[in-house]
Protein backbone atom coordinates (compact mmCIF):
# COMPACT_ATOMS: atom_id res chain seq x y z
CA UNK A 1 -1.46 -20.09 -23.49
CA UNK A 2 -0.88 -18.48 -20.66
CA UNK A 3 -2.29 -19.73 -17.25
CA UNK A 4 -2.98 -17.61 -14.37
CA UNK A 5 -2.39 -19.08 -10.73
CA UNK A 6 -3.61 -16.98 -7.99
CA UNK A 7 -6.67 -15.86 -6.08
CA UNK A 8 -9.25 -12.90 -6.59
CA UNK A 9 -12.16 -11.44 -5.31
CA UNK A 10 -14.46 -8.99 -5.85
CA UNK A 11 -15.49 -5.78 -3.74
CA UNK A 12 -18.03 -3.16 -4.43
CA UNK A 13 -17.30 0.96 -4.06
CA UNK A 14 -19.87 3.56 -3.91
CA UNK A 15 -19.95 6.59 -5.27
CA UNK A 16 -17.01 9.15 -5.38
CA UNK A 17 -14.83 6.24 -3.30
CA UNK A 18 -11.36 4.54 -4.76
CA UNK A 19 -10.22 1.47 -2.69
CA UNK A 20 -6.75 0.33 -3.30
CA UNK A 21 -5.42 -2.84 -1.89
CA UNK A 22 -2.07 -4.19 -0.84
CA UNK A 23 -0.82 -7.30 -0.18
CA UNK A 24 1.49 -7.47 2.97
CA UNK A 25 4.45 -9.66 2.83
CA UNK A 26 6.87 -10.69 5.68
CA UNK A 27 10.39 -10.55 4.50
CA UNK A 28 12.42 -14.01 4.93
CA UNK A 29 14.65 -14.44 8.26
CA UNK A 30 17.37 -14.36 6.01
CA UNK A 31 17.18 -10.89 4.72
CA UNK A 32 15.86 -9.47 7.51
CA UNK A 33 19.44 -7.75 8.34
CA UNK A 34 19.53 -5.19 5.15
CA UNK A 35 16.07 -5.32 4.73
CA UNK A 36 12.50 -4.11 6.55
CA UNK A 37 10.37 -6.92 8.91
CA UNK A 38 7.47 -6.00 6.16
CA UNK A 39 6.90 -5.31 2.38
CA UNK A 40 3.76 -4.11 0.75
CA UNK A 41 2.99 -4.97 -2.72
CA UNK A 42 -0.12 -3.64 -4.27
CA UNK A 43 -2.97 -5.67 -5.93
CA UNK A 44 -3.95 -5.55 -9.69
CA UNK A 45 -7.70 -5.06 -10.43
CA UNK A 46 -9.77 -4.65 -12.82
CA UNK A 47 -13.33 -2.54 -13.13
CA UNK A 48 -16.59 -2.82 -13.98
CA UNK A 49 -19.49 -0.09 -13.61
CA UNK A 50 -22.50 -0.90 -12.47
CA UNK A 51 -24.45 2.52 -12.38
CA UNK A 52 -23.09 4.78 -9.66
CA UNK A 53 -21.49 2.15 -8.53
CA UNK A 54 -17.77 0.02 -9.47
CA UNK A 55 -17.37 -3.20 -8.79
CA UNK A 56 -13.76 -3.84 -8.51
CA UNK A 57 -12.04 -7.61 -8.72
CA UNK A 58 -8.46 -7.77 -6.94
CA UNK A 59 -5.93 -10.53 -7.66
CA UNK A 60 -3.44 -12.16 -5.67
CA UNK A 61 -0.77 -13.52 -7.88
CA UNK A 62 1.32 -15.58 -5.32
CA UNK A 63 -0.57 -16.27 -2.59
CA UNK A 64 0.78 -18.73 0.92
CA UNK A 65 -0.68 -22.25 1.40
CA UNK A 66 -2.39 -21.00 4.57
CA UNK A 67 -2.84 -16.98 5.19
CA UNK A 68 -2.19 -14.23 3.46
CA UNK A 69 -2.57 -10.55 5.07
CA UNK A 70 -4.12 -7.69 3.09
CA UNK A 71 -4.38 -3.40 3.81
CA UNK A 72 -7.79 -2.27 2.09
CA UNK A 73 -7.52 1.41 1.55
CA UNK A 74 -10.67 3.35 0.96
CA UNK A 75 -10.37 6.69 -0.63
CA UNK A 76 -13.23 8.93 -0.18
CA UNK A 77 -13.41 12.83 -0.36
CA UNK A 78 -12.07 13.96 2.55
CA UNK A 79 -11.00 10.65 4.20
CA UNK A 80 -9.18 7.52 4.30
CA UNK A 81 -10.49 4.42 5.15
CA UNK A 82 -8.21 1.76 6.24
CA UNK A 83 -9.18 -2.30 7.47
CA UNK A 84 -7.46 -5.19 7.64
CA UNK A 85 -8.55 -8.36 5.92
CA UNK A 86 -6.93 -12.04 5.94
CA UNK A 87 -7.25 -14.01 2.51
CA UNK A 88 -7.80 -17.50 3.82
CA UNK A 89 -8.64 -20.92 1.39
CA UNK A 90 -11.03 -19.12 -0.68
CA UNK A 91 -12.41 -16.84 2.05
CA UNK A 92 -11.58 -13.43 2.42
CA UNK A 93 -12.24 -12.17 5.98
CA UNK A 94 -12.45 -8.78 6.45
CA UNK A 95 -12.46 -6.74 9.90
CA UNK A 96 -15.40 -4.79 10.90
CA UNK A 97 -13.80 -1.79 12.07
CA UNK A 98 -11.66 0.13 10.58
CA UNK A 99 -8.00 0.52 12.27
CA UNK A 100 -6.67 2.95 14.45
CA UNK A 101 -4.19 4.74 13.42
CA UNK A 102 -1.54 7.20 14.30
CA UNK A 103 -0.25 9.28 12.12
CA UNK A 104 1.61 12.92 11.36
CA UNK A 105 0.42 15.46 8.75
CA UNK A 106 2.80 17.08 6.54
CA UNK A 107 1.74 20.69 5.05
CA UNK A 108 3.88 23.15 2.99
CA UNK A 109 2.69 26.15 0.79
CA UNK A 110 5.80 25.48 -1.24
CA UNK A 111 7.04 22.93 -2.95
CA UNK A 112 9.14 20.17 -0.90
CA UNK A 113 11.08 16.83 -1.51
CA UNK A 114 10.11 13.86 1.26
CA UNK A 115 13.53 12.23 1.71
CA UNK A 116 15.48 9.27 2.90
CA UNK A 117 13.04 6.45 2.74
CA UNK A 118 14.87 3.11 2.88
CA UNK A 119 14.81 0.35 0.10
CA UNK A 120 15.11 -3.24 0.19
CA UNK A 121 17.58 -4.71 -1.99
CA UNK A 122 14.37 -5.88 -4.85
CA UNK A 123 13.40 -1.70 -4.90
CA UNK A 124 9.78 -3.07 -2.62
CA UNK A 125 9.84 -0.35 0.18
CA UNK A 126 8.76 -0.09 3.08
CA UNK A 127 6.97 3.15 3.31
CA UNK A 128 4.00 3.99 0.59
CA UNK A 129 2.74 7.53 -0.52
CA UNK A 130 0.07 8.12 -2.20
CA UNK A 131 -1.85 10.99 -3.83
CA UNK A 132 -5.80 10.14 -2.52
CA UNK A 133 -7.22 11.98 -5.75
CA UNK A 134 -6.04 9.58 -8.00
CA UNK A 135 -4.88 6.76 -5.69
CA UNK A 136 -1.84 6.36 -7.22
CA UNK A 137 1.67 6.40 -5.68
CA UNK A 138 3.83 8.75 -5.49
CA UNK A 139 7.33 7.21 -7.12
CA UNK A 140 10.45 7.92 -5.30
CA UNK A 141 13.73 9.32 -7.56
CA UNK A 142 16.52 6.84 -6.31
CA UNK A 143 19.78 7.79 -5.24
CA UNK A 144 22.83 6.65 -3.64
CA UNK A 145 23.81 8.21 -0.19
CA UNK A 146 27.47 7.81 -0.16
CA UNK A 147 27.49 8.89 3.71
CA UNK A 148 25.53 5.79 4.90
CA UNK A 149 25.94 3.54 1.75
CA UNK A 150 22.65 2.94 0.75
CA UNK A 151 20.23 3.34 -1.90
CA UNK A 152 17.40 5.78 -1.11
CA UNK A 153 14.43 7.73 -2.37
CA UNK A 154 13.20 11.03 -2.28
CA UNK A 155 9.69 12.21 -3.18
CA UNK A 156 8.49 15.62 -4.50
CA UNK A 157 5.12 16.54 -2.94
CA UNK A 158 3.01 19.34 -4.36
CA UNK A 159 2.10 22.50 -2.30
CA UNK A 160 -1.41 22.43 -0.89
CA UNK A 161 -2.01 19.06 -1.58
CA UNK A 162 -3.07 16.84 0.73
CA UNK A 163 -1.11 12.88 0.75
CA UNK A 164 -1.60 9.68 2.35
CA UNK A 165 1.29 7.63 3.79
CA UNK A 166 1.92 4.22 5.29
CA UNK A 167 4.24 2.16 6.45
CA UNK A 168 3.53 -1.62 8.09
CA UNK A 169 5.45 -2.19 11.50
CA UNK A 170 4.76 -4.40 14.05
CA UNK A 171 3.12 -2.60 17.23
CA UNK A 172 6.61 -3.26 19.44
CA UNK A 173 8.54 -1.06 16.76
CA UNK A 174 5.67 1.92 17.44
């Protein structure tokens, strides 16, 4: 029999809202030279329909001994609400006000590629690009850049379509 060790919590999405949650991991000091300071890991979840509402249970597979930082993205019809949370012991503390964001927009009437994502040795990227309609990540195509001697990625973006991209950084790095 296989045992699952970790933590879980549930949220309820209203109609036409899809929530995804990422665990924010700080890179260990010995790997910082060639890696981003933070990586994100999307949490697995199960869904249960309750009328017009969807109850989602999210699973944190590798919780830390003290606190885990979480990024909560709730995709609506024409917006994304961003919250942060801390999973501490058996409690989850969610911010009362959404986080203010600094952002840039990309718009194209032609198919294009968004290039030059840096990758960590275990291929967890610091930038995530999400299709807001499906809430699925746009997976990059990996390539080796001989000029910089690095593994990078390219994401194909469709014309006339919105995407949501985020990166976790320290405030001093902005």
